[in-house]
N, C-alpha and C. Protein backbone atom coordinates (compact mmCIF):
# COMPACT_ATOMS: atom_id res chain seq x y z
N UNK A 1 6.88 16.04 -12.78
CA UNK A 1 7.46 16.24 -11.46
C UNK A 1 8.65 15.31 -11.30
N UNK A 2 9.74 15.80 -10.78
CA UNK A 2 10.91 14.97 -10.51
C UNK A 2 10.93 14.62 -9.04
N UNK A 3 11.21 13.37 -8.74
CA UNK A 3 11.35 12.93 -7.36
C UNK A 3 12.79 12.55 -7.14
N UNK A 4 13.48 13.28 -6.27
CA UNK A 4 14.86 12.95 -5.96
C UNK A 4 14.89 11.95 -4.83
N UNK A 5 15.79 10.98 -4.92
CA UNK A 5 15.80 9.92 -3.92
C UNK A 5 17.20 9.49 -3.60
N UNK A 6 17.37 8.98 -2.38
CA UNK A 6 18.57 8.26 -2.05
C UNK A 6 18.14 6.87 -1.69
N UNK A 7 18.61 5.89 -2.44
CA UNK A 7 18.14 4.53 -2.29
C UNK A 7 19.27 3.67 -1.77
N UNK A 8 19.01 2.91 -0.71
CA UNK A 8 20.02 2.02 -0.16
C UNK A 8 20.21 0.81 -1.04
N UNK A 9 21.02 -0.15 -0.57
CA UNK A 9 21.34 -1.31 -1.38
C UNK A 9 20.17 -2.26 -1.52
N UNK A 10 19.24 -2.24 -0.58
CA UNK A 10 18.08 -3.12 -0.68
C UNK A 10 16.90 -2.45 0.00
N UNK A 11 15.69 -2.86 -0.43
CA UNK A 11 14.47 -2.30 0.13
C UNK A 11 13.91 -3.29 1.11
N UNK A 12 13.70 -2.88 2.34
CA UNK A 12 13.17 -3.76 3.36
C UNK A 12 12.02 -3.06 4.06
N UNK A 13 11.23 -3.84 4.79
CA UNK A 13 10.08 -3.27 5.48
C UNK A 13 10.52 -2.29 6.56
N UNK A 14 11.61 -2.57 7.26
CA UNK A 14 12.07 -1.69 8.31
C UNK A 14 12.78 -0.49 7.71
N UNK A 15 12.26 0.68 7.96
CA UNK A 15 12.93 1.89 7.50
C UNK A 15 12.51 2.35 6.14
N UNK A 16 12.45 1.42 5.20
CA UNK A 16 12.05 1.78 3.84
C UNK A 16 13.06 2.69 3.18
N UNK A 17 12.68 3.24 2.05
CA UNK A 17 13.49 4.21 1.33
C UNK A 17 12.83 5.56 1.43
N UNK A 18 13.62 6.62 1.36
CA UNK A 18 13.08 7.97 1.44
C UNK A 18 13.15 8.63 0.09
N UNK A 19 12.04 9.17 -0.35
CA UNK A 19 11.97 9.97 -1.56
C UNK A 19 11.39 11.32 -1.15
N UNK A 20 11.85 12.39 -1.75
CA UNK A 20 11.29 13.70 -1.45
C UNK A 20 10.82 14.33 -2.74
N UNK A 21 9.54 14.69 -2.80
CA UNK A 21 8.98 15.29 -3.99
C UNK A 21 9.60 16.66 -4.21
N UNK A 22 9.90 16.95 -5.46
CA UNK A 22 10.55 18.21 -5.78
C UNK A 22 10.17 18.65 -7.18
N UNK A 23 10.13 19.97 -7.39
CA UNK A 23 9.89 20.50 -8.72
C UNK A 23 11.20 20.68 -9.48
N UNK A 24 12.31 20.52 -8.76
CA UNK A 24 13.61 20.64 -9.39
C UNK A 24 14.08 19.31 -9.92
N UNK A 25 15.36 19.22 -10.29
CA UNK A 25 15.90 17.96 -10.78
C UNK A 25 17.07 17.55 -9.93
N UNK A 26 17.32 16.27 -9.84
CA UNK A 26 18.41 15.74 -9.05
C UNK A 26 19.73 15.94 -9.77
N UNK A 27 20.83 15.82 -9.00
CA UNK A 27 22.13 16.08 -9.58
C UNK A 27 22.86 14.86 -10.07
N UNK A 28 22.36 13.67 -9.84
CA UNK A 28 23.06 12.47 -10.26
C UNK A 28 22.84 12.22 -11.74
N UNK A 29 23.81 11.54 -12.36
CA UNK A 29 23.71 11.30 -13.79
C UNK A 29 22.87 10.09 -14.11
N UNK A 30 22.75 9.14 -13.18
CA UNK A 30 21.97 7.94 -13.44
C UNK A 30 20.65 8.01 -12.71
N UNK A 31 19.61 7.52 -13.36
CA UNK A 31 18.29 7.52 -12.74
C UNK A 31 17.48 6.39 -13.32
N UNK A 32 16.37 6.07 -12.65
CA UNK A 32 15.47 5.04 -13.14
C UNK A 32 14.04 5.47 -12.89
N UNK A 33 13.10 4.93 -13.65
CA UNK A 33 11.70 5.30 -13.51
C UNK A 33 11.02 4.37 -12.53
N UNK A 34 10.31 4.92 -11.56
CA UNK A 34 9.54 4.15 -10.59
C UNK A 34 8.18 4.79 -10.44
N UNK A 35 7.12 4.01 -10.75
CA UNK A 35 5.75 4.52 -10.64
C UNK A 35 5.58 5.84 -11.39
N UNK A 36 6.23 5.96 -12.54
CA UNK A 36 6.06 7.15 -13.36
C UNK A 36 6.90 8.34 -12.93
N UNK A 37 7.71 8.19 -11.88
CA UNK A 37 8.54 9.30 -11.41
C UNK A 37 10.00 8.98 -11.65
N UNK A 38 10.81 10.01 -11.80
CA UNK A 38 12.24 9.80 -11.95
C UNK A 38 12.87 9.66 -10.58
N UNK A 39 13.62 8.58 -10.39
CA UNK A 39 14.26 8.33 -9.11
C UNK A 39 15.77 8.41 -9.31
N UNK A 40 16.40 9.33 -8.63
CA UNK A 40 17.84 9.50 -8.71
C UNK A 40 18.46 8.88 -7.47
N UNK A 41 19.44 8.01 -7.66
CA UNK A 41 19.94 7.25 -6.52
C UNK A 41 21.43 7.45 -6.29
N UNK A 42 21.85 7.03 -5.09
CA UNK A 42 23.26 6.91 -4.80
C UNK A 42 23.95 8.15 -4.27
N UNK A 43 23.24 9.19 -3.90
CA UNK A 43 23.90 10.37 -3.37
C UNK A 43 22.96 11.12 -2.45
N UNK A 44 23.50 12.06 -1.69
CA UNK A 44 22.66 12.95 -0.90
C UNK A 44 22.28 14.14 -1.76
N UNK A 45 20.98 14.41 -1.82
CA UNK A 45 20.50 15.51 -2.64
C UNK A 45 19.71 16.48 -1.79
N UNK A 46 19.49 17.65 -2.30
CA UNK A 46 18.65 18.64 -1.63
C UNK A 46 17.49 18.96 -2.53
N UNK A 47 16.27 18.74 -2.02
CA UNK A 47 15.07 19.01 -2.80
C UNK A 47 14.18 19.94 -2.01
N UNK A 48 13.86 21.08 -2.58
CA UNK A 48 13.02 22.07 -1.91
C UNK A 48 13.56 22.41 -0.52
N UNK A 49 14.87 22.44 -0.39
CA UNK A 49 15.48 22.80 0.88
C UNK A 49 15.53 21.69 1.89
N UNK A 50 15.15 20.47 1.50
CA UNK A 50 15.15 19.34 2.42
C UNK A 50 16.32 18.44 2.08
N UNK A 51 17.19 18.18 3.03
CA UNK A 51 18.34 17.30 2.80
C UNK A 51 17.94 15.86 3.05
N UNK A 52 18.28 14.99 2.11
CA UNK A 52 17.95 13.57 2.23
C UNK A 52 19.24 12.79 2.34
N UNK A 53 19.40 12.04 3.41
CA UNK A 53 20.64 11.30 3.62
C UNK A 53 20.64 9.96 2.92
N UNK A 54 21.80 9.38 2.76
CA UNK A 54 21.96 8.10 2.08
C UNK A 54 21.19 7.01 2.81
N UNK A 55 20.50 6.17 2.03
CA UNK A 55 19.80 5.03 2.62
C UNK A 55 18.56 5.39 3.41
N UNK A 56 18.12 6.62 3.34
CA UNK A 56 16.91 7.01 4.04
C UNK A 56 17.13 7.29 5.51
N UNK A 57 18.38 7.61 5.91
CA UNK A 57 18.65 7.79 7.33
C UNK A 57 18.38 9.21 7.82
N UNK A 58 18.31 10.18 6.92
CA UNK A 58 18.11 11.56 7.34
C UNK A 58 17.33 12.33 6.29
N UNK A 59 16.04 12.53 6.44
CA UNK A 59 15.24 12.06 7.57
C UNK A 59 14.90 10.59 7.39
N UNK A 60 14.53 9.89 8.48
CA UNK A 60 14.24 8.47 8.41
C UNK A 60 12.76 8.20 8.28
N UNK A 61 12.42 7.23 7.43
CA UNK A 61 11.03 6.79 7.34
C UNK A 61 10.67 5.98 8.58
N UNK A 62 9.39 5.90 8.91
CA UNK A 62 8.97 5.03 10.02
C UNK A 62 9.41 3.59 9.74
N UNK A 63 9.64 2.79 10.77
CA UNK A 63 10.11 1.42 10.56
C UNK A 63 9.09 0.53 9.85
N UNK A 64 7.81 0.86 9.95
CA UNK A 64 6.75 0.07 9.32
C UNK A 64 5.88 0.98 8.46
N UNK A 65 5.19 0.44 7.47
CA UNK A 65 4.28 1.26 6.66
C UNK A 65 3.21 1.90 7.55
N UNK A 66 2.77 3.10 7.24
CA UNK A 66 1.76 3.76 8.07
C UNK A 66 0.42 3.04 8.00
N UNK A 67 -0.25 2.85 9.14
CA UNK A 67 -1.55 2.20 9.14
C UNK A 67 -2.69 3.17 8.88
N UNK A 68 -3.89 2.63 8.73
CA UNK A 68 -5.08 3.47 8.67
C UNK A 68 -5.18 4.27 9.96
N UNK A 69 -5.57 5.53 9.84
CA UNK A 69 -5.74 6.36 11.01
C UNK A 69 -4.44 6.89 11.58
N UNK A 70 -3.36 6.83 10.79
CA UNK A 70 -2.08 7.33 11.29
C UNK A 70 -2.16 8.82 11.57
N UNK A 71 -1.39 9.25 12.53
CA UNK A 71 -1.41 10.66 12.92
C UNK A 71 -0.57 11.49 11.97
N UNK A 72 -0.56 12.79 12.21
CA UNK A 72 0.23 13.70 11.38
C UNK A 72 1.69 13.24 11.37
N UNK A 73 2.32 13.34 10.21
CA UNK A 73 3.67 12.82 10.05
C UNK A 73 4.72 13.92 9.99
N UNK A 74 4.31 15.18 9.98
CA UNK A 74 5.26 16.28 9.79
C UNK A 74 6.32 16.32 10.88
N UNK A 75 6.03 15.77 12.06
CA UNK A 75 7.04 15.74 13.11
C UNK A 75 8.11 14.69 12.86
N UNK A 76 7.78 13.68 12.03
CA UNK A 76 8.73 12.61 11.74
C UNK A 76 9.58 12.94 10.52
N UNK A 77 8.94 13.39 9.46
CA UNK A 77 9.62 13.70 8.20
C UNK A 77 8.98 14.94 7.60
N UNK A 78 9.64 15.63 6.69
CA UNK A 78 9.03 16.80 6.06
C UNK A 78 7.82 16.42 5.21
N UNK A 79 6.83 17.32 5.16
CA UNK A 79 5.67 17.10 4.29
C UNK A 79 6.17 16.96 2.85
N UNK A 80 5.63 15.99 2.14
CA UNK A 80 6.06 15.71 0.78
C UNK A 80 7.01 14.54 0.69
N UNK A 81 7.49 14.06 1.83
CA UNK A 81 8.38 12.90 1.83
C UNK A 81 7.59 11.65 1.45
N UNK A 82 8.16 10.84 0.59
CA UNK A 82 7.55 9.57 0.19
C UNK A 82 8.40 8.43 0.72
N UNK A 83 7.77 7.49 1.42
CA UNK A 83 8.47 6.32 1.95
C UNK A 83 7.95 5.08 1.26
N UNK A 84 8.87 4.21 0.84
CA UNK A 84 8.52 2.99 0.11
C UNK A 84 8.78 1.77 0.99
N UNK A 85 7.89 0.79 0.91
CA UNK A 85 8.00 -0.43 1.69
C UNK A 85 7.64 -1.63 0.83
N UNK A 86 8.31 -2.75 1.07
CA UNK A 86 7.90 -4.01 0.48
C UNK A 86 6.93 -4.66 1.46
N UNK A 87 5.70 -4.90 1.01
CA UNK A 87 4.63 -5.39 1.88
C UNK A 87 4.14 -6.75 1.37
N UNK A 88 4.04 -7.75 2.24
CA UNK A 88 3.48 -9.04 1.81
C UNK A 88 1.97 -8.92 1.62
N UNK A 89 1.51 -9.20 0.41
CA UNK A 89 0.08 -9.11 0.09
C UNK A 89 -0.40 -10.46 -0.45
N UNK A 90 -1.69 -10.58 -0.70
CA UNK A 90 -2.22 -11.85 -1.19
C UNK A 90 -1.59 -12.26 -2.51
N UNK A 91 -1.23 -11.31 -3.35
CA UNK A 91 -0.63 -11.60 -4.65
C UNK A 91 0.88 -11.76 -4.58
N UNK A 92 1.47 -11.59 -3.40
CA UNK A 92 2.91 -11.66 -3.23
C UNK A 92 3.44 -10.35 -2.67
N UNK A 93 4.75 -10.20 -2.62
CA UNK A 93 5.34 -8.98 -2.09
C UNK A 93 5.15 -7.83 -3.08
N UNK A 94 4.71 -6.69 -2.55
CA UNK A 94 4.47 -5.51 -3.38
C UNK A 94 5.20 -4.32 -2.78
N UNK A 95 5.77 -3.49 -3.63
CA UNK A 95 6.40 -2.25 -3.18
C UNK A 95 5.35 -1.15 -3.22
N UNK A 96 5.04 -0.60 -2.05
CA UNK A 96 4.00 0.42 -1.94
C UNK A 96 4.60 1.71 -1.40
N UNK A 97 4.15 2.83 -1.96
CA UNK A 97 4.67 4.16 -1.61
C UNK A 97 3.63 4.95 -0.83
N UNK A 98 4.09 5.64 0.21
CA UNK A 98 3.24 6.47 1.06
C UNK A 98 3.85 7.86 1.14
N UNK A 99 2.99 8.88 1.09
CA UNK A 99 3.47 10.26 1.14
C UNK A 99 3.02 10.92 2.44
N UNK A 100 3.91 11.69 3.03
CA UNK A 100 3.57 12.49 4.20
C UNK A 100 2.81 13.71 3.71
N UNK A 101 1.49 13.68 3.82
CA UNK A 101 0.64 14.78 3.39
C UNK A 101 0.53 15.81 4.51
N UNK A 102 -0.29 16.81 4.30
CA UNK A 102 -0.39 17.91 5.26
C UNK A 102 -0.86 17.45 6.63
N UNK A 103 -1.79 16.47 6.65
CA UNK A 103 -2.38 16.08 7.92
C UNK A 103 -2.01 14.67 8.36
N UNK A 104 -1.65 13.79 7.44
CA UNK A 104 -1.33 12.41 7.81
C UNK A 104 -0.67 11.71 6.63
N UNK A 105 -0.24 10.48 6.86
CA UNK A 105 0.29 9.66 5.78
C UNK A 105 -0.84 9.26 4.83
N UNK A 106 -0.57 9.26 3.54
CA UNK A 106 -1.53 8.83 2.54
C UNK A 106 -0.83 7.90 1.55
N UNK A 107 -1.58 7.02 0.93
CA UNK A 107 -1.04 6.19 -0.13
C UNK A 107 -0.81 7.07 -1.36
N UNK A 108 0.35 6.92 -2.00
CA UNK A 108 0.61 7.65 -3.24
C UNK A 108 -0.38 7.17 -4.29
N UNK A 109 -1.02 8.09 -4.99
CA UNK A 109 -2.04 7.74 -5.98
C UNK A 109 -1.41 7.11 -7.22
N UNK A 110 -2.22 6.31 -7.91
CA UNK A 110 -1.81 5.77 -9.20
C UNK A 110 -0.96 4.52 -9.15
N UNK A 111 -0.95 3.83 -8.01
CA UNK A 111 -0.21 2.57 -7.91
C UNK A 111 -1.15 1.42 -8.26
N UNK A 112 -1.06 0.95 -9.48
CA UNK A 112 -1.98 -0.07 -9.98
C UNK A 112 -1.66 -1.44 -9.39
N UNK A 113 -2.69 -2.24 -9.21
CA UNK A 113 -2.48 -3.61 -8.75
C UNK A 113 -2.52 -4.55 -9.94
N UNK A 114 -1.86 -5.68 -9.81
CA UNK A 114 -1.78 -6.63 -10.91
C UNK A 114 -2.95 -7.61 -10.91
N UNK A 115 -3.56 -7.83 -9.74
CA UNK A 115 -4.68 -8.76 -9.64
C UNK A 115 -5.84 -8.07 -8.92
N UNK A 116 -7.08 -8.33 -9.35
CA UNK A 116 -8.22 -7.58 -8.79
C UNK A 116 -8.48 -7.89 -7.32
N UNK A 117 -8.82 -6.85 -6.59
CA UNK A 117 -9.23 -6.93 -5.19
C UNK A 117 -8.16 -7.54 -4.30
N UNK A 118 -6.92 -7.26 -4.63
CA UNK A 118 -5.79 -7.69 -3.80
C UNK A 118 -5.84 -6.94 -2.47
N UNK A 119 -5.24 -7.50 -1.45
CA UNK A 119 -5.13 -6.84 -0.16
C UNK A 119 -3.89 -7.37 0.54
N UNK A 120 -3.55 -6.76 1.66
CA UNK A 120 -2.34 -7.14 2.39
C UNK A 120 -2.74 -7.53 3.81
N UNK A 121 -2.52 -8.79 4.20
CA UNK A 121 -2.94 -9.25 5.53
C UNK A 121 -2.44 -8.36 6.65
N UNK A 122 -3.28 -8.19 7.65
CA UNK A 122 -2.99 -7.41 8.86
C UNK A 122 -2.78 -5.92 8.56
N UNK A 123 -3.33 -5.46 7.43
CA UNK A 123 -3.31 -4.03 7.10
C UNK A 123 -4.68 -3.66 6.53
N UNK A 124 -4.86 -2.37 6.27
CA UNK A 124 -6.06 -1.90 5.58
C UNK A 124 -5.76 -1.59 4.12
N UNK A 125 -4.58 -1.98 3.61
CA UNK A 125 -4.23 -1.71 2.22
C UNK A 125 -5.10 -2.58 1.31
N UNK A 126 -5.67 -1.96 0.30
CA UNK A 126 -6.63 -2.65 -0.56
C UNK A 126 -6.51 -2.12 -1.97
N UNK A 127 -6.73 -2.98 -2.95
CA UNK A 127 -6.62 -2.55 -4.33
C UNK A 127 -7.94 -2.72 -5.07
N UNK A 128 -8.48 -1.61 -5.50
CA UNK A 128 -9.69 -1.58 -6.31
C UNK A 128 -9.36 -0.76 -7.57
N UNK A 129 -8.54 -1.36 -8.44
CA UNK A 129 -7.99 -0.65 -9.58
C UNK A 129 -6.61 -0.13 -9.25
N UNK A 130 -6.52 0.72 -8.20
CA UNK A 130 -5.25 1.20 -7.66
C UNK A 130 -5.20 0.88 -6.17
N UNK A 131 -3.98 0.82 -5.63
CA UNK A 131 -3.83 0.61 -4.19
C UNK A 131 -4.33 1.83 -3.43
N UNK A 132 -5.02 1.58 -2.33
CA UNK A 132 -5.54 2.67 -1.51
C UNK A 132 -5.32 2.37 -0.03
N UNK A 133 -5.20 3.42 0.74
CA UNK A 133 -5.22 3.37 2.20
C UNK A 133 -6.44 4.17 2.62
N UNK A 134 -7.43 3.52 3.24
CA UNK A 134 -8.68 4.24 3.55
C UNK A 134 -8.44 5.52 4.33
N UNK A 135 -9.24 6.53 4.05
CA UNK A 135 -9.20 7.80 4.76
C UNK A 135 -10.55 8.01 5.44
N UNK A 136 -10.62 9.01 6.29
CA UNK A 136 -11.88 9.30 6.97
C UNK A 136 -12.09 8.39 8.16
N UNK A 137 -13.35 8.14 8.49
CA UNK A 137 -13.68 7.32 9.65
C UNK A 137 -14.44 6.08 9.22
N UNK A 138 -14.35 5.04 10.05
CA UNK A 138 -15.07 3.79 9.83
C UNK A 138 -14.84 3.21 8.43
N UNK A 139 -13.62 2.77 8.14
CA UNK A 139 -13.37 2.18 6.82
C UNK A 139 -14.00 0.80 6.73
N UNK A 140 -14.12 0.26 5.53
CA UNK A 140 -14.62 -1.12 5.41
C UNK A 140 -13.73 -2.09 6.19
N UNK A 141 -14.33 -3.21 6.60
CA UNK A 141 -13.56 -4.24 7.29
C UNK A 141 -12.51 -4.81 6.35
N UNK A 142 -11.27 -5.02 6.83
CA UNK A 142 -10.24 -5.60 5.96
C UNK A 142 -10.65 -6.99 5.48
N UNK A 143 -10.11 -7.39 4.34
CA UNK A 143 -10.34 -8.76 3.86
C UNK A 143 -9.69 -9.74 4.83
N UNK A 144 -10.26 -10.95 4.96
CA UNK A 144 -9.63 -11.95 5.82
C UNK A 144 -8.20 -12.23 5.38
N UNK A 145 -7.32 -12.49 6.33
CA UNK A 145 -5.91 -12.72 6.01
C UNK A 145 -5.69 -14.00 5.23
N UNK A 146 -6.55 -15.00 5.46
CA UNK A 146 -6.48 -16.25 4.71
C UNK A 146 -7.79 -16.44 3.95
N UNK A 147 -7.71 -17.14 2.83
CA UNK A 147 -8.89 -17.32 1.97
C UNK A 147 -9.98 -18.08 2.71
N UNK A 148 -11.15 -17.47 2.87
CA UNK A 148 -12.26 -18.17 3.53
C UNK A 148 -12.84 -19.26 2.62
N UNK A 149 -13.69 -20.06 3.17
CA UNK A 149 -14.35 -21.11 2.38
C UNK A 149 -15.72 -20.64 1.95
N UNK A 150 -16.20 -21.18 0.85
CA UNK A 150 -17.53 -20.85 0.37
C UNK A 150 -18.57 -21.14 1.45
N UNK A 151 -19.44 -20.19 1.72
CA UNK A 151 -20.47 -20.37 2.72
C UNK A 151 -20.05 -19.99 4.13
N UNK A 152 -18.77 -19.74 4.33
CA UNK A 152 -18.30 -19.33 5.65
C UNK A 152 -18.92 -17.98 6.01
N UNK A 153 -19.23 -17.81 7.30
CA UNK A 153 -19.89 -16.59 7.74
C UNK A 153 -18.95 -15.39 7.60
N UNK A 154 -19.50 -14.28 7.14
CA UNK A 154 -18.76 -13.03 7.07
C UNK A 154 -19.63 -11.92 7.63
N UNK A 155 -18.96 -10.87 8.13
CA UNK A 155 -19.68 -9.76 8.75
C UNK A 155 -18.88 -8.50 8.56
N UNK A 156 -19.54 -7.44 8.15
CA UNK A 156 -18.84 -6.20 7.83
C UNK A 156 -18.54 -5.35 9.04
N UNK A 157 -19.11 -5.68 10.18
CA UNK A 157 -18.90 -4.86 11.37
C UNK A 157 -19.78 -3.62 11.39
N UNK A 158 -20.67 -3.49 10.41
CA UNK A 158 -21.59 -2.36 10.38
C UNK A 158 -21.06 -1.15 9.64
N UNK A 159 -19.80 -1.19 9.19
CA UNK A 159 -19.21 -0.03 8.51
C UNK A 159 -18.95 -0.29 7.04
N UNK A 160 -19.61 -1.29 6.49
CA UNK A 160 -19.41 -1.60 5.08
C UNK A 160 -18.31 -2.61 4.87
N UNK A 161 -18.18 -3.06 3.64
CA UNK A 161 -17.18 -4.06 3.29
C UNK A 161 -16.71 -3.77 1.88
N UNK A 162 -15.49 -4.20 1.56
CA UNK A 162 -14.97 -3.98 0.23
C UNK A 162 -15.80 -4.74 -0.81
N UNK A 163 -15.77 -4.31 -2.07
CA UNK A 163 -16.58 -4.99 -3.10
C UNK A 163 -16.29 -6.49 -3.20
N UNK A 164 -15.03 -6.88 -3.03
CA UNK A 164 -14.63 -8.29 -3.09
C UNK A 164 -13.24 -8.42 -2.48
N UNK A 165 -12.83 -9.67 -2.26
CA UNK A 165 -11.50 -9.96 -1.75
C UNK A 165 -10.86 -10.99 -2.67
N UNK A 166 -9.59 -10.78 -3.03
CA UNK A 166 -8.90 -11.67 -3.95
C UNK A 166 -7.87 -12.54 -3.27
N UNK A 167 -7.76 -13.78 -3.77
CA UNK A 167 -6.83 -14.76 -3.21
C UNK A 167 -6.35 -15.70 -4.32
N UNK A 168 -5.20 -16.32 -4.07
CA UNK A 168 -4.78 -17.42 -4.93
C UNK A 168 -5.51 -18.68 -4.51
N UNK A 169 -5.83 -19.53 -5.49
CA UNK A 169 -6.35 -20.87 -5.20
C UNK A 169 -5.21 -21.72 -4.63
N UNK A 170 -5.52 -22.94 -4.25
CA UNK A 170 -4.51 -23.83 -3.68
C UNK A 170 -3.37 -24.10 -4.63
N UNK A 171 -3.60 -23.97 -5.95
CA UNK A 171 -2.53 -24.22 -6.91
C UNK A 171 -1.52 -23.07 -6.98
N UNK A 172 -1.79 -21.98 -6.24
CA UNK A 172 -0.90 -20.81 -6.17
C UNK A 172 -0.71 -20.11 -7.51
N UNK A 173 -1.55 -20.45 -8.48
CA UNK A 173 -1.47 -19.85 -9.81
C UNK A 173 -2.76 -19.16 -10.21
N UNK A 174 -3.89 -19.81 -9.93
CA UNK A 174 -5.20 -19.28 -10.30
C UNK A 174 -5.66 -18.27 -9.26
N UNK A 175 -6.15 -17.13 -9.73
CA UNK A 175 -6.64 -16.07 -8.84
C UNK A 175 -8.15 -16.15 -8.76
N UNK A 176 -8.68 -16.05 -7.56
CA UNK A 176 -10.12 -16.09 -7.36
C UNK A 176 -10.57 -14.90 -6.52
N UNK A 177 -11.82 -14.53 -6.64
CA UNK A 177 -12.35 -13.42 -5.83
C UNK A 177 -13.59 -13.89 -5.09
N UNK A 178 -13.77 -13.35 -3.90
CA UNK A 178 -14.89 -13.70 -3.04
C UNK A 178 -15.64 -12.45 -2.64
N UNK A 179 -16.95 -12.58 -2.52
CA UNK A 179 -17.80 -11.47 -2.10
C UNK A 179 -18.57 -11.87 -0.86
N UNK A 180 -18.66 -10.96 0.10
CA UNK A 180 -19.46 -11.22 1.30
C UNK A 180 -20.90 -10.83 0.98
N UNK A 181 -21.72 -11.84 0.82
CA UNK A 181 -23.13 -11.62 0.46
C UNK A 181 -23.96 -11.59 1.74
N UNK A 182 -24.53 -10.40 2.04
CA UNK A 182 -25.32 -10.25 3.25
C UNK A 182 -26.77 -9.93 2.89
N UNK A 183 -27.73 -10.50 3.62
CA UNK A 183 -29.14 -10.21 3.34
C UNK A 183 -29.47 -8.73 3.53
N UNK A 184 -28.82 -8.08 4.47
CA UNK A 184 -28.98 -6.65 4.70
C UNK A 184 -27.84 -6.16 5.58
N UNK A 185 -27.63 -4.86 5.62
CA UNK A 185 -26.53 -4.27 6.37
C UNK A 185 -26.62 -4.63 7.84
N UNK A 186 -25.47 -5.02 8.42
CA UNK A 186 -25.43 -5.31 9.84
C UNK A 186 -25.83 -6.72 10.20
N UNK A 187 -26.09 -7.56 9.20
CA UNK A 187 -26.49 -8.95 9.43
C UNK A 187 -25.42 -9.86 8.85
N UNK A 188 -25.14 -10.98 9.55
CA UNK A 188 -24.15 -11.92 9.04
C UNK A 188 -24.48 -12.35 7.62
N UNK A 189 -23.42 -12.47 6.83
CA UNK A 189 -23.56 -12.96 5.46
C UNK A 189 -22.72 -14.19 5.24
N UNK A 190 -22.53 -14.56 3.98
CA UNK A 190 -21.72 -15.72 3.63
C UNK A 190 -20.78 -15.36 2.49
N UNK A 191 -19.58 -15.94 2.51
CA UNK A 191 -18.64 -15.73 1.42
C UNK A 191 -19.08 -16.52 0.20
N UNK A 192 -19.11 -15.84 -0.93
CA UNK A 192 -19.46 -16.48 -2.20
C UNK A 192 -18.32 -16.23 -3.19
N UNK A 193 -17.79 -17.29 -3.81
CA UNK A 193 -16.65 -17.19 -4.72
C UNK A 193 -17.09 -17.20 -6.17
N UNK A 194 -16.15 -16.82 -7.04
CA UNK A 194 -16.43 -16.77 -8.47
C UNK A 194 -16.28 -18.11 -9.16
N UNK A 195 -15.87 -19.15 -8.43
CA UNK A 195 -15.77 -20.49 -9.00
C UNK A 195 -14.47 -20.78 -9.71
N UNK A 196 -13.47 -19.89 -9.58
CA UNK A 196 -12.21 -20.11 -10.29
C UNK A 196 -11.41 -21.27 -9.72
N UNK A 197 -11.58 -21.56 -8.43
CA UNK A 197 -10.87 -22.68 -7.80
C UNK A 197 -11.70 -23.95 -7.92
N UNK A 198 -11.07 -25.02 -8.31
CA UNK A 198 -11.79 -26.29 -8.51
C UNK A 198 -12.41 -26.82 -7.22
N UNK A 199 -11.77 -26.48 -6.08
CA UNK A 199 -12.25 -27.04 -4.81
C UNK A 199 -13.49 -26.33 -4.30
N UNK A 200 -13.92 -25.25 -4.96
CA UNK A 200 -15.08 -24.50 -4.46
C UNK A 200 -16.34 -24.86 -5.24
């Protein structure tokens, strides 16, 4: 599959970049590979009858990445549009792609994470092999925005919890993972770490 794109001079959280999925090929001579897709930059292209303006201005991506439970996006952009954002996550800034599906925004499949159980503070974005945006109802509780301490109380809210949460140790180099160990569902538990950080 070829993805035609118009990419601005820089990628920022506001607006993002617009990509439109297409079975055809772009008309520009230069291209680069992004997440396994061909990205053609620097011009206005037409893909499947959808015109994409320079820098993502026509149609425009939402100013922020879509959250869990986002509504249908077809009124904002054509179905099949992919918007990219740089998102601050526990492992650092990550470029994440979202596609306007038939009913709502979804995370583009196959975006691998570099560190296990990574997450992005103040979002529901989570990586369990690949980056995911929860679908359906009652998703697991997001990982804490800051690394909890061993033995600190944790609670899933009754809707489950992710298998683990990943964080950098204080040295900002060593990666550690924590699990919320609960005696039974719906009861307060405690954070238990893998021991990678010397202070734990």
